[in-house]
């Protein structure tokens, strides 16, 4: 879709990548080696605040699973297999929101 992406195969690796280059969007599985996606989401929220779009991508889709995602700081909870059109719309809407929040260049007026 034209986005720059980085891949991590563990929670610790995801946090290391996020600390090196603050992400705009994080697509995060819940079940990962070493650290749950819930804990990774909490840490990313602490480090980078609400500007990062956190999306849980998981096989767990019950109401309790969605509640745990919200409590961990996820913005969205998508159940596998992910509908790619829905994901594309999420990414597009987040990009539009970032553009609207960006400081305007006064010389452009």
PDB file of N, CA and C in Angstrom:
ATOM      1  N   UNK A   1       0.816  -1.203   0.000  1.00  0.00           N
ATOM      2  CA  UNK A   1       0.000   0.000   0.000  1.00  0.00           C
ATOM      3  C   UNK A   1       0.853   1.259   0.000  1.00  0.00           C
ATOM      4  N   UNK A   2       2.156   1.108  -0.119  1.00  0.00           N
ATOM      5  CA  UNK A   2       3.025   2.272  -0.201  1.00  0.00           C
ATOM      6  C   UNK A   2       3.550   2.774   1.133  1.00  0.00           C
ATOM      7  N   UNK A   3       3.324   2.038   2.205  1.00  0.00           N
ATOM      8  CA  UNK A   3       3.807   2.447   3.521  1.00  0.00           C
ATOM      9  C   UNK A   3       5.168   1.822   3.793  1.00  0.00           C
ATOM     10  N   UNK A   4       5.972   2.492   4.581  1.00  0.00           N
ATOM     11  CA  UNK A   4       7.221   1.895   5.053  1.00  0.00           C
ATOM     12  C   UNK A   4       6.874   0.996   6.233  1.00  0.00           C
ATOM     13  N   UNK A   5       7.360  -0.221   6.199  1.00  0.00           N
ATOM     14  CA  UNK A   5       7.020  -1.176   7.262  1.00  0.00           C
ATOM     15  C   UNK A   5       8.282  -1.797   7.852  1.00  0.00           C
ATOM     16  N   UNK A   6       8.206  -2.083   9.115  1.00  0.00           N
ATOM     17  CA  UNK A   6       9.250  -2.831   9.813  1.00  0.00           C
ATOM     18  C   UNK A   6       8.574  -4.024  10.461  1.00  0.00           C
ATOM     19  N   UNK A   7       9.297  -5.129  10.559  1.00  0.00           N
ATOM     20  CA  UNK A   7       8.739  -6.359  11.106  1.00  0.00           C
ATOM     21  C   UNK A   7       9.534  -6.768  12.344  1.00  0.00           C
ATOM     22  N   UNK A   8       8.802  -7.145  13.379  1.00  0.00           N
ATOM     23  CA  UNK A   8       9.413  -7.670  14.602  1.00  0.00           C
ATOM     24  C   UNK A   8       8.781  -9.028  14.891  1.00  0.00           C
ATOM     25  N   UNK A   9       9.594  -9.951  15.375  1.00  0.00           N
ATOM     26  CA  UNK A   9       9.096 -11.296  15.647  1.00  0.00           C
ATOM     27  C   UNK A   9       8.935 -11.573  17.138  1.00  0.00           C
ATOM     28  N   UNK A  10       9.070 -10.550  17.947  1.00  0.00           N
ATOM     29  CA  UNK A  10       8.847 -10.684  19.394  1.00  0.00           C
ATOM     30  C   UNK A  10       8.444  -9.330  19.946  1.00  0.00           C
ATOM     31  N   UNK A  11       7.892  -9.354  21.132  1.00  0.00           N
ATOM     32  CA  UNK A  11       7.498  -8.105  21.776  1.00  0.00           C
ATOM     33  C   UNK A  11       8.681  -7.201  22.041  1.00  0.00           C
ATOM     34  N   UNK A  12       9.771  -7.756  22.532  1.00  0.00           N
ATOM     35  CA  UNK A  12      10.979  -6.962  22.816  1.00  0.00           C
ATOM     36  C   UNK A  12      11.497  -6.321  21.535  1.00  0.00           C
ATOM     37  N   UNK A  13      11.523  -7.091  20.441  1.00  0.00           N
ATOM     38  CA  UNK A  13      11.997  -6.542  19.163  1.00  0.00           C
ATOM     39  C   UNK A  13      11.087  -5.408  18.695  1.00  0.00           C
ATOM     40  N   UNK A  14       9.780  -5.538  18.891  1.00  0.00           N
ATOM     41  CA  UNK A  14       8.838  -4.476  18.505  1.00  0.00           C
ATOM     42  C   UNK A  14       9.122  -3.196  19.291  1.00  0.00           C
ATOM     43  N   UNK A  15       9.373  -3.331  20.584  1.00  0.00           N
ATOM     44  CA  UNK A  15       9.678  -2.152  21.403  1.00  0.00           C
ATOM     45  C   UNK A  15      11.001  -1.516  20.999  1.00  0.00           C
ATOM     46  N   UNK A  16      11.985  -2.349  20.660  1.00  0.00           N
ATOM     47  CA  UNK A  16      13.273  -1.816  20.211  1.00  0.00           C
ATOM     48  C   UNK A  16      13.104  -1.019  18.924  1.00  0.00           C
ATOM     49  N   UNK A  17      12.355  -1.564  17.971  1.00  0.00           N
ATOM     50  CA  UNK A  17      12.120  -0.868  16.709  1.00  0.00           C
ATOM     51  C   UNK A  17      11.382   0.450  16.959  1.00  0.00           C
ATOM     52  N   UNK A  18      10.357   0.409  17.819  1.00  0.00           N
ATOM     53  CA  UNK A  18       9.568   1.618  18.107  1.00  0.00           C
ATOM     54  C   UNK A  18      10.407   2.680  18.806  1.00  0.00           C
ATOM     55  N   UNK A  19      11.392   2.279  19.594  1.00  0.00           N
ATOM     56  CA  UNK A  19      12.229   3.270  20.273  1.00  0.00           C
ATOM     57  C   UNK A  19      13.225   3.906  19.303  1.00  0.00           C
ATOM     58  N   UNK A  20      13.614   3.178  18.253  1.00  0.00           N
ATOM     59  CA  UNK A  20      14.560   3.708  17.266  1.00  0.00           C
ATOM     60  C   UNK A  20      13.886   4.686  16.300  1.00  0.00           C
ATOM     61  N   UNK A  21      12.659   4.371  15.920  1.00  0.00           N
ATOM     62  CA  UNK A  21      11.921   5.219  14.974  1.00  0.00           C
ATOM     63  C   UNK A  21      10.462   5.219  15.393  1.00  0.00           C
ATOM     64  N   UNK A  22       9.989   6.277  16.042  1.00  0.00           N
ATOM     65  CA  UNK A  22       8.601   6.299  16.509  1.00  0.00           C
ATOM     66  C   UNK A  22       7.619   5.989  15.375  1.00  0.00           C
ATOM     67  N   UNK A  23       6.761   5.009  15.590  1.00  0.00           N
ATOM     68  CA  UNK A  23       5.831   4.594  14.538  1.00  0.00           C
ATOM     69  C   UNK A  23       4.600   5.490  14.468  1.00  0.00           C
ATOM     70  N   UNK A  24       3.976   5.503  13.292  1.00  0.00           N
ATOM     71  CA  UNK A  24       2.678   6.151  13.125  1.00  0.00           C
ATOM     72  C   UNK A  24       1.567   5.154  13.425  1.00  0.00           C
ATOM     73  N   UNK A  25       1.800   3.902  13.013  1.00  0.00           N
ATOM     74  CA  UNK A  25       0.823   2.824  13.155  1.00  0.00           C
ATOM     75  C   UNK A  25       1.563   1.568  13.592  1.00  0.00           C
ATOM     76  N   UNK A  26       0.946   0.809  14.505  1.00  0.00           N
ATOM     77  CA  UNK A  26       1.499  -0.476  14.916  1.00  0.00           C
ATOM     78  C   UNK A  26       0.406  -1.526  14.755  1.00  0.00           C
ATOM     79  N   UNK A  27       0.692  -2.528  13.934  1.00  0.00           N
ATOM     80  CA  UNK A  27      -0.178  -3.695  13.785  1.00  0.00           C
ATOM     81  C   UNK A  27       0.457  -4.778  14.636  1.00  0.00           C
ATOM     82  N   UNK A  28      -0.263  -5.234  15.647  1.00  0.00           N
ATOM     83  CA  UNK A  28       0.356  -6.044  16.682  1.00  0.00           C
ATOM     84  C   UNK A  28      -0.468  -7.273  17.006  1.00  0.00           C
ATOM     85  N   UNK A  29       0.174  -8.428  16.922  1.00  0.00           N
ATOM     86  CA  UNK A  29      -0.472  -9.668  17.351  1.00  0.00           C
ATOM     87  C   UNK A  29      -0.529  -9.666  18.873  1.00  0.00           C
ATOM     88  N   UNK A  30      -1.468 -10.389  19.426  1.00  0.00           N
ATOM     89  CA  UNK A  30      -1.592 -10.469  20.886  1.00  0.00           C
ATOM     90  C   UNK A  30      -0.666 -11.533  21.463  1.00  0.00           C
ATOM     91  N   UNK A  31      -0.546 -12.661  20.769  1.00  0.00           N
ATOM     92  CA  UNK A  31       0.278 -13.770  21.251  1.00  0.00           C
ATOM     93  C   UNK A  31       1.620 -13.724  20.534  1.00  0.00           C
ATOM     94  N   UNK A  32       2.658 -13.372  21.295  1.00  0.00           N
ATOM     95  CA  UNK A  32       4.010 -13.289  20.746  1.00  0.00           C
ATOM     96  C   UNK A  32       4.986 -13.900  21.739  1.00  0.00           C
ATOM     97  N   UNK A  33       6.150 -14.298  21.262  1.00  0.00           N
ATOM     98  CA  UNK A  33       7.160 -14.850  22.173  1.00  0.00           C
ATOM     99  C   UNK A  33       7.670 -13.798  23.150  1.00  0.00           C
ATOM    100  N   UNK A  34       7.784 -14.168  24.399  1.00  0.00           N
ATOM    101  CA  UNK A  34       8.440 -13.334  25.392  1.00  0.00           C
ATOM    102  C   UNK A  34       7.607 -12.260  26.056  1.00  0.00           C
ATOM    103  N   UNK A  35       6.656 -11.693  25.353  1.00  0.00           N
ATOM    104  CA  UNK A  35       5.872 -10.587  25.898  1.00  0.00           C
ATOM    105  C   UNK A  35       4.566 -10.524  25.109  1.00  0.00           C
ATOM    106  N   UNK A  36       3.468 -10.361  25.793  1.00  0.00           N
ATOM    107  CA  UNK A  36       2.181 -10.315  25.087  1.00  0.00           C
ATOM    108  C   UNK A  36       2.017  -8.999  24.333  1.00  0.00           C
ATOM    109  N   UNK A  37       1.178  -9.024  23.333  1.00  0.00           N
ATOM    110  CA  UNK A  37       0.849  -7.815  22.603  1.00  0.00           C
ATOM    111  C   UNK A  37       0.224  -6.758  23.505  1.00  0.00           C
ATOM    112  N   UNK A  38      -0.490  -7.206  24.536  1.00  0.00           N
ATOM    113  CA  UNK A  38      -1.082  -6.257  25.482  1.00  0.00           C
ATOM    114  C   UNK A  38       0.009  -5.445  26.174  1.00  0.00           C
ATOM    115  N   UNK A  39       1.062  -6.130  26.615  1.00  0.00           N
ATOM    116  CA  UNK A  39       2.156  -5.437  27.305  1.00  0.00           C
ATOM    117  C   UNK A  39       2.918  -4.529  26.333  1.00  0.00           C
ATOM    118  N   UNK A  40       3.127  -4.996  25.122  1.00  0.00           N
ATOM    119  CA  UNK A  40       3.798  -4.166  24.118  1.00  0.00           C
ATOM    120  C   UNK A  40       2.970  -2.899  23.863  1.00  0.00           C
ATOM    121  N   UNK A  41       1.665  -3.054  23.726  1.00  0.00           N
ATOM    122  CA  UNK A  41       0.789  -1.899  23.496  1.00  0.00           C
ATOM    123  C   UNK A  41       0.887  -0.905  24.648  1.00  0.00           C
ATOM    124  N   UNK A  42       0.876  -1.401  25.877  1.00  0.00           N
ATOM    125  CA  UNK A  42       0.985  -0.501  27.038  1.00  0.00           C
ATOM    126  C   UNK A  42       2.296   0.282  26.994  1.00  0.00           C
ATOM    127  N   UNK A  43       3.383  -0.412  26.676  1.00  0.00           N
ATOM    128  CA  UNK A  43       4.694   0.242  26.624  1.00  0.00           C
ATOM    129  C   UNK A  43       4.765   1.273  25.494  1.00  0.00           C
ATOM    130  N   UNK A  44       4.224   0.936  24.334  1.00  0.00           N
ATOM    131  CA  UNK A  44       4.223   1.884  23.219  1.00  0.00           C
ATOM    132  C   UNK A  44       3.406   3.120  23.580  1.00  0.00           C
ATOM    133  N   UNK A  45       2.257   2.926  24.237  1.00  0.00           N
ATOM    134  CA  UNK A  45       1.443   4.071  24.672  1.00  0.00           C
ATOM    135  C   UNK A  45       2.230   4.952  25.634  1.00  0.00           C
ATOM    136  N   UNK A  46       2.938   4.335  26.575  1.00  0.00           N
ATOM    137  CA  UNK A  46       3.725   5.110  27.536  1.00  0.00           C
ATOM    138  C   UNK A  46       4.824   5.902  26.836  1.00  0.00           C
ATOM    139  N   UNK A  47       5.476   5.283  25.854  1.00  0.00           N
ATOM    140  CA  UNK A  47       6.611   5.917  25.182  1.00  0.00           C
ATOM    141  C   UNK A  47       6.193   6.949  24.135  1.00  0.00           C
ATOM    142  N   UNK A  48       5.094   6.671  23.418  1.00  0.00           N
ATOM    143  CA  UNK A  48       4.771   7.484  22.243  1.00  0.00           C
ATOM    144  C   UNK A  48       3.414   8.175  22.305  1.00  0.00           C
ATOM    145  N   UNK A  49       2.635   7.913  23.335  1.00  0.00           N
ATOM    146  CA  UNK A  49       1.376   8.619  23.507  1.00  0.00           C
ATOM    147  C   UNK A  49       0.274   8.205  22.543  1.00  0.00           C
ATOM    148  N   UNK A  50      -0.754   9.035  22.473  1.00  0.00           N
ATOM    149  CA  UNK A  50      -1.960   8.680  21.721  1.00  0.00           C
ATOM    150  C   UNK A  50      -1.872   8.873  20.211  1.00  0.00           C
ATOM    151  N   UNK A  51      -0.804   9.485  19.713  1.00  0.00           N
ATOM    152  CA  UNK A  51      -0.717   9.738  18.269  1.00  0.00           C
ATOM    153  C   UNK A  51      -0.531   8.461  17.460  1.00  0.00           C
ATOM    154  N   UNK A  52       0.026   7.427  18.080  1.00  0.00           N
ATOM    155  CA  UNK A  52       0.253   6.157  17.388  1.00  0.00           C
ATOM    156  C   UNK A  52      -1.069   5.397  17.298  1.00  0.00           C
ATOM    157  N   UNK A  53      -1.404   4.941  16.102  1.00  0.00           N
ATOM    158  CA  UNK A  53      -2.577   4.097  15.915  1.00  0.00           C
ATOM    159  C   UNK A  53      -2.164   2.668  16.239  1.00  0.00           C
ATOM    160  N   UNK A  54      -2.700   2.106  17.316  1.00  0.00           N
ATOM    161  CA  UNK A  54      -2.404   0.735  17.730  1.00  0.00           C
ATOM    162  C   UNK A  54      -3.543  -0.177  17.315  1.00  0.00           C
ATOM    163  N   UNK A  55      -3.216  -1.190  16.517  1.00  0.00           N
ATOM    164  CA  UNK A  55      -4.212  -2.115  16.004  1.00  0.00           C
ATOM    165  C   UNK A  55      -3.849  -3.527  16.432  1.00  0.00           C
ATOM    166  N   UNK A  56      -4.720  -4.147  17.221  1.00  0.00           N
ATOM    167  CA  UNK A  56      -4.547  -5.560  17.582  1.00  0.00           C
ATOM    168  C   UNK A  56      -5.013  -6.407  16.406  1.00  0.00           C
ATOM    169  N   UNK A  57      -4.197  -7.367  16.027  1.00  0.00           N
ATOM    170  CA  UNK A  57      -4.567  -8.321  14.988  1.00  0.00           C
ATOM    171  C   UNK A  57      -4.422  -9.686  15.615  1.00  0.00           C
ATOM    172  N   UNK A  58      -5.555 -10.358  15.803  1.00  0.00           N
ATOM    173  CA  UNK A  58      -5.556 -11.552  16.632  1.00  0.00           C
ATOM    174  C   UNK A  58      -6.632 -12.546  16.209  1.00  0.00           C
ATOM    175  N   UNK A  59      -6.477 -13.747  16.686  1.00  0.00           N
ATOM    176  CA  UNK A  59      -7.506 -14.769  16.460  1.00  0.00           C
ATOM    177  C   UNK A  59      -8.593 -14.691  17.534  1.00  0.00           C
ATOM    178  N   UNK A  60      -8.368 -13.891  18.567  1.00  0.00           N
ATOM    179  CA  UNK A  60      -9.298 -13.790  19.684  1.00  0.00           C
ATOM    180  C   UNK A  60     -10.277 -12.645  19.456  1.00  0.00           C
ATOM    181  N   UNK A  61     -11.568 -12.963  19.342  1.00  0.00           N
ATOM    182  CA  UNK A  61     -12.537 -11.935  18.991  1.00  0.00           C
ATOM    183  C   UNK A  61     -13.733 -11.815  19.913  1.00  0.00           C
ATOM    184  N   UNK A  62     -13.680 -12.441  21.083  1.00  0.00           N
ATOM    185  CA  UNK A  62     -14.789 -12.348  22.022  1.00  0.00           C
ATOM    186  C   UNK A  62     -14.837 -10.952  22.658  1.00  0.00           C
ATOM    187  N   UNK A  63     -15.950 -10.613  23.242  1.00  0.00           N
ATOM    188  CA  UNK A  63     -16.121  -9.301  23.879  1.00  0.00           C
ATOM    189  C   UNK A  63     -15.046  -9.056  24.941  1.00  0.00           C
ATOM    190  N   UNK A  64     -14.715 -10.076  25.717  1.00  0.00           N
ATOM    191  CA  UNK A  64     -13.687  -9.923  26.756  1.00  0.00           C
ATOM    192  C   UNK A  64     -12.315  -9.641  26.135  1.00  0.00           C
ATOM    193  N   UNK A  65     -12.031 -10.249  24.976  1.00  0.00           N
ATOM    194  CA  UNK A  65     -10.761 -10.008  24.288  1.00  0.00           C
ATOM    195  C   UNK A  65     -10.689  -8.556  23.811  1.00  0.00           C
ATOM    196  N   UNK A  66     -11.794  -8.073  23.271  1.00  0.00           N
ATOM    197  CA  UNK A  66     -11.844  -6.688  22.796  1.00  0.00           C
ATOM    198  C   UNK A  66     -11.697  -5.704  23.961  1.00  0.00           C
ATOM    199  N   UNK A  67     -12.291  -6.029  25.084  1.00  0.00           N
ATOM    200  CA  UNK A  67     -12.172  -5.185  26.273  1.00  0.00           C
ATOM    201  C   UNK A  67     -10.720  -5.136  26.752  1.00  0.00           C
ATOM    202  N   UNK A  68     -10.061  -6.283  26.769  1.00  0.00           N
ATOM    203  CA  UNK A  68      -8.648  -6.320  27.178  1.00  0.00           C
ATOM    204  C   UNK A  68      -7.791  -5.483  26.228  1.00  0.00           C
ATOM    205  N   UNK A  69      -8.120  -5.505  24.944  1.00  0.00           N
ATOM    206  CA  UNK A  69      -7.393  -4.680  23.973  1.00  0.00           C
ATOM    207  C   UNK A  69      -7.566  -3.198  24.288  1.00  0.00           C
ATOM    208  N   UNK A  70      -8.803  -2.783  24.536  1.00  0.00           N
ATOM    209  CA  UNK A  70      -9.057  -1.367  24.876  1.00  0.00           C
ATOM    210  C   UNK A  70      -8.279  -0.973  26.128  1.00  0.00           C
ATOM    211  N   UNK A  71      -8.314  -1.828  27.131  1.00  0.00           N
ATOM    212  CA  UNK A  71      -7.630  -1.531  28.389  1.00  0.00           C
ATOM    213  C   UNK A  71      -6.116  -1.436  28.208  1.00  0.00           C
ATOM    214  N   UNK A  72      -5.573  -2.173  27.254  1.00  0.00           N
ATOM    215  CA  UNK A  72      -4.133  -2.138  26.987  1.00  0.00           C
ATOM    216  C   UNK A  72      -3.731  -0.929  26.148  1.00  0.00           C
ATOM    217  N   UNK A  73      -4.713  -0.229  25.581  1.00  0.00           N
ATOM    218  CA  UNK A  73      -4.416   0.970  24.817  1.00  0.00           C
ATOM    219  C   UNK A  73      -4.585   0.846  23.315  1.00  0.00           C
ATOM    220  N   UNK A  74      -5.078  -0.297  22.851  1.00  0.00           N
ATOM    221  CA  UNK A  74      -5.312  -0.453  21.412  1.00  0.00           C
ATOM    222  C   UNK A  74      -6.458   0.446  20.972  1.00  0.00           C
ATOM    223  N   UNK A  75      -6.330   0.975  19.756  1.00  0.00           N
ATOM    224  CA  UNK A  75      -7.386   1.776  19.151  1.00  0.00           C
ATOM    225  C   UNK A  75      -8.383   0.909  18.397  1.00  0.00           C
ATOM    226  N   UNK A  76      -7.883  -0.179  17.818  1.00  0.00           N
ATOM    227  CA  UNK A  76      -8.712  -1.082  17.015  1.00  0.00           C
ATOM    228  C   UNK A  76      -8.364  -2.526  17.367  1.00  0.00           C
ATOM    229  N   UNK A  77      -9.337  -3.406  17.170  1.00  0.00           N
ATOM    230  CA  UNK A  77      -9.163  -4.836  17.437  1.00  0.00           C
ATOM    231  C   UNK A  77      -9.690  -5.579  16.208  1.00  0.00           C
ATOM    232  N   UNK A  78      -8.787  -6.107  15.395  1.00  0.00           N
ATOM    233  CA  UNK A  78      -9.174  -6.823  14.186  1.00  0.00           C
ATOM    234  C   UNK A  78      -8.930  -8.318  14.373  1.00  0.00           C
ATOM    235  N   UNK A  79      -9.893  -9.103  13.917  1.00  0.00           N
ATOM    236  CA  UNK A  79      -9.809 -10.557  14.058  1.00  0.00           C
ATOM    237  C   UNK A  79      -9.334 -11.160  12.737  1.00  0.00           C
ATOM    238  N   UNK A  80      -8.390 -12.086  12.853  1.00  0.00           N
ATOM    239  CA  UNK A  80      -7.859 -12.797  11.687  1.00  0.00           C
ATOM    240  C   UNK A  80      -8.932 -13.695  11.088  1.00  0.00           C
ATOM    241  N   UNK A  81      -8.973 -13.858   9.788  1.00  0.00           N
ATOM    242  CA  UNK A  81      -8.174 -13.139   8.802  1.00  0.00           C
ATOM    243  C   UNK A  81      -8.688 -11.711   8.654  1.00  0.00           C
ATOM    244  N   UNK A  82      -7.760 -10.781   8.545  1.00  0.00           N
ATOM    245  CA  UNK A  82      -8.096  -9.362   8.490  1.00  0.00           C
ATOM    246  C   UNK A  82      -8.641  -9.012   7.110  1.00  0.00           C
ATOM    247  N   UNK A  83      -9.717  -8.249   7.098  1.00  0.00           N
ATOM    248  CA  UNK A  83     -10.282  -7.713   5.866  1.00  0.00           C
ATOM    249  C   UNK A  83      -9.357  -6.575   5.420  1.00  0.00           C
ATOM    250  N   UNK A  84      -8.636  -6.792   4.332  1.00  0.00           N
ATOM    251  CA  UNK A  84      -7.637  -5.829   3.885  1.00  0.00           C
ATOM    252  C   UNK A  84      -8.243  -4.474   3.503  1.00  0.00           C
ATOM    253  N   UNK A  85      -9.459  -4.461   2.985  1.00  0.00           N
ATOM    254  CA  UNK A  85     -10.109  -3.183   2.668  1.00  0.00           C
ATOM    255  C   UNK A  85     -10.371  -2.385   3.937  1.00  0.00           C
ATOM    256  N   UNK A  86     -10.792  -3.071   4.993  1.00  0.00           N
ATOM    257  CA  UNK A  86     -11.026  -2.398   6.277  1.00  0.00           C
ATOM    258  C   UNK A  86      -9.705  -1.842   6.819  1.00  0.00           C
ATOM    259  N   UNK A  87      -8.647  -2.636   6.759  1.00  0.00           N
ATOM    260  CA  UNK A  87      -7.341  -2.180   7.230  1.00  0.00           C
ATOM    261  C   UNK A  87      -6.874  -0.985   6.403  1.00  0.00           C
ATOM    262  N   UNK A  88      -7.034  -1.036   5.107  1.00  0.00           N
ATOM    263  CA  UNK A  88      -6.642   0.070   4.238  1.00  0.00           C
ATOM    264  C   UNK A  88      -7.376   1.349   4.633  1.00  0.00           C
ATOM    265  N   UNK A  89      -8.676   1.245   4.909  1.00  0.00           N
ATOM    266  CA  UNK A  89      -9.453   2.417   5.319  1.00  0.00           C
ATOM    267  C   UNK A  89      -8.963   2.975   6.656  1.00  0.00           C
ATOM    268  N   UNK A  90      -8.606   2.089   7.598  1.00  0.00           N
ATOM    269  CA  UNK A  90      -8.058   2.541   8.884  1.00  0.00           C
ATOM    270  C   UNK A  90      -6.778   3.342   8.668  1.00  0.00           C
ATOM    271  N   UNK A  91      -5.897   2.801   7.839  1.00  0.00           N
ATOM    272  CA  UNK A  91      -4.628   3.472   7.578  1.00  0.00           C
ATOM    273  C   UNK A  91      -4.848   4.812   6.879  1.00  0.00           C
ATOM    274  N   UNK A  92      -5.751   4.827   5.925  1.00  0.00           N
ATOM    275  CA  UNK A  92      -6.042   6.079   5.219  1.00  0.00           C
ATOM    276  C   UNK A  92      -6.633   7.121   6.160  1.00  0.00           C
ATOM    277  N   UNK A  93      -7.565   6.725   7.003  1.00  0.00           N
ATOM    278  CA  UNK A  93      -8.189   7.697   7.905  1.00  0.00           C
ATOM    279  C   UNK A  93      -7.191   8.202   8.938  1.00  0.00           C
ATOM    280  N   UNK A  94      -6.290   7.349   9.382  1.00  0.00           N
ATOM    281  CA  UNK A  94      -5.260   7.789  10.329  1.00  0.00           C
ATOM    282  C   UNK A  94      -4.320   8.783   9.642  1.00  0.00           C
ATOM    283  N   UNK A  95      -3.971   8.507   8.400  1.00  0.00           N
ATOM    284  CA  UNK A  95      -3.119   9.427   7.648  1.00  0.00           C
ATOM    285  C   UNK A  95      -3.760  10.782   7.459  1.00  0.00           C
ATOM    286  N   UNK A  96      -5.073  10.790   7.179  1.00  0.00           N
ATOM    287  CA  UNK A  96      -5.788  12.067   7.026  1.00  0.00           C
ATOM    288  C   UNK A  96      -5.812  12.825   8.347  1.00  0.00           C
ATOM    289  N   UNK A  97      -6.014  12.118   9.451  1.00  0.00           N
ATOM    290  CA  UNK A  97      -6.051  12.779  10.758  1.00  0.00           C
ATOM    291  C   UNK A  97      -4.693  13.385  11.079  1.00  0.00           C
ATOM    292  N   UNK A  98      -3.608  12.663  10.762  1.00  0.00           N
ATOM    293  CA  UNK A  98      -2.270  13.203  11.013  1.00  0.00           C
ATOM    294  C   UNK A  98      -2.026  14.450  10.182  1.00  0.00           C
ATOM    295  N   UNK A  99      -2.446  14.434   8.931  1.00  0.00           N
ATOM    296  CA  UNK A  99      -2.268  15.582   8.052  1.00  0.00           C
ATOM    297  C   UNK A  99      -3.039  16.787   8.583  1.00  0.00           C
ATOM    298  N   UNK A 100      -4.233  16.558   9.078  1.00  0.00           N
ATOM    299  CA  UNK A 100      -5.046  17.653   9.614  1.00  0.00           C
ATOM    300  C   UNK A 100      -4.426  18.241  10.875  1.00  0.00           C
ATOM    301  N   UNK A 101      -3.734  17.410  11.667  1.00  0.00           N
ATOM    302  CA  UNK A 101      -3.117  17.865  12.907  1.00  0.00           C
ATOM    303  C   UNK A 101      -1.749  18.494  12.705  1.00  0.00           C
ATOM    304  N   UNK A 102      -1.153  18.318  11.534  1.00  0.00           N
ATOM    305  CA  UNK A 102       0.197  18.817  11.283  1.00  0.00           C
ATOM    306  C   UNK A 102       0.206  20.337  11.285  1.00  0.00           C
ATOM    307  N   UNK A 103       1.287  20.930  11.806  1.00  0.00           N
ATOM    308  CA  UNK A 103       1.384  22.389  11.787  1.00  0.00           C
ATOM    309  C   UNK A 103       1.418  22.886  10.340  1.00  0.00           C
ATOM    310  N   UNK A 104       0.745  23.976  10.101  1.00  0.00           N
ATOM    311  CA  UNK A 104       0.672  24.539   8.759  1.00  0.00           C
ATOM    312  C   UNK A 104       1.906  25.432   8.525  1.00  0.00           C
ATOM    313  N   UNK A 105       2.415  25.416   7.314  1.00  0.00           N
ATOM    314  CA  UNK A 105       3.531  26.252   6.921  1.00  0.00           C
ATOM    315  C   UNK A 105       3.006  27.661   6.631  1.00  0.00           C
ATOM    316  N   UNK A 106       3.365  28.660   7.451  1.00  0.00           N
ATOM    317  CA  UNK A 106       2.836  30.013   7.254  1.00  0.00           C
ATOM    318  C   UNK A 106       3.220  30.605   5.901  1.00  0.00           C
ATOM    319  N   UNK A 107       4.339  30.200   5.316  1.00  0.00           N
ATOM    320  CA  UNK A 107       4.769  30.746   4.036  1.00  0.00           C
ATOM    321  C   UNK A 107       3.927  30.236   2.875  1.00  0.00           C
ATOM    322  N   UNK A 108       3.099  29.187   3.120  1.00  0.00           N
ATOM    323  CA  UNK A 108       2.264  28.616   2.066  1.00  0.00           C
ATOM    324  C   UNK A 108       1.016  29.442   1.831  1.00  0.00           C
ATOM    325  N   UNK A 109       0.773  30.473   2.627  1.00  0.00           N
ATOM    326  CA  UNK A 109      -0.449  31.260   2.489  1.00  0.00           C
ATOM    327  C   UNK A 109      -0.277  32.418   1.554  1.00  0.00           C
TER     328      UNK A 109
END
